[in-house]
Amino acid sequence: MRKISRAVSLFAICTASAAVFSAVAIGQSPAPAAPSTTVGVTGLMHAIHSTNDVDKTLAFYRDVFGVAGQVRPFPSQAVPILTNSPGVTLRVAMTSFKGEGFNFELTQFSNVERHVAPAPEIVDPGAPHMKVLVRDIDAIAAAVKKVGAPIITSSGAPVTVPTAVGTAKAMFFRDPDGYIVEAIQAPAPPNALEGAVVGAIMGLTVRDMDESLKFWNGLLGFELAGNMTFSSDPAMLDLMGIAKGGSFRTVTGVVPGSKARIELTEFKGMPRKPFDLRVTDPNASGMAIRVGHIRELLVKLKAQGGRVLSRDGEIVEWSETVRNVFVKDPNGLNLELVGSADPNQ
């Protein structure tokens, strides 16, 4: 393992640089974690979205959803090791989807070759998207049109469909990087703070649901479940901008140790192309998740053929108490595992 002196975890630095969100970071816990007997996920820290221009992307989320954030330089000798990108520099804005949501980290990497890939379609394996739960979707739709964001929903307007929060109005569109966003009208949870947003759900398109569940449930310890029968609901196809003849199936669940939710969807009946980017590439996406027994978990991941992105395929020593490593899920999603330095945890 590589040791970075006087460094702390990427999550810890970002959280410190955005202290305004620390009190409302639902689904997150600061590193280091409490002792754990779990080999797998024990909490969500934040979702990650790499941007082409972090100032422009932050302005989009501010103008559409009213979220706050501040772009800051992120000087750390840890970043090149974690991302296996010698000489890379980083700017970060940490935003928060309040209510039953989580922090959303916007990043922009420089001084490294970045692969600018075409934006994915919702059906492409590895395509991420963010489901943002809002009080008034008509107001969000108006804001989306005002900023000129591309709308994915075929009808160009909110559609009433079954969602993770029940039957509700929803609409798909893209942010300035082509990242897929879904707004869903949802009731505010008890004691919800003021604002347009009342929560969020991380979405991911998978190549093969059975294969993905072996990773997410079997390896990481999630309990994702849902109707495994493919559906061709016309309203849902309209919502997602999919032509007639396509079908899909979805599973969902809570990130262990948090209230944050994730949803996996598999499509068939239409062309699909893999979407798989490096952490530093614009439009790359991921999650920073807290795990128990990070060393044992990484050994199991490698034994199953999992990909490790950090330098030399090793866990990085970030501080006296924290260990980190970037890995891939079977579909290409970037996952930052954050664990304890204690080999018994």
Foldseek 3Di string as FASTA:
>chain_A
DAEFPPFFDPLVQQCVVVVVCVVFFFFADDPPDDADPFFFFATFAEKEAEAQDQVQLQVLCCQQFVKDWDKDWDDDPVVCQQQVFPPKTKIWIWTAQGALAGIYIYMAIDPGDADQDPQFAQQAQFQKEKEFEFADVVSSLVSCVVVPWAWQQQVSAWFFDQDPQGTWTKTWTATPSNRIYMYTYHDADPPTDDTGTNYMEIEGEHADPVLLCCCVCVQRNWDWDFDPDWDQPVRVCSRRNHDRQKTKTKTKGARHNGSYMYMYMHMDRDDYHADAGRPNHHRAIATETEGHQNVVSLVVCVVVVWAWRGPPSDWYHRDQFKIWTWTARPRRHIYIYIHTPPNSD
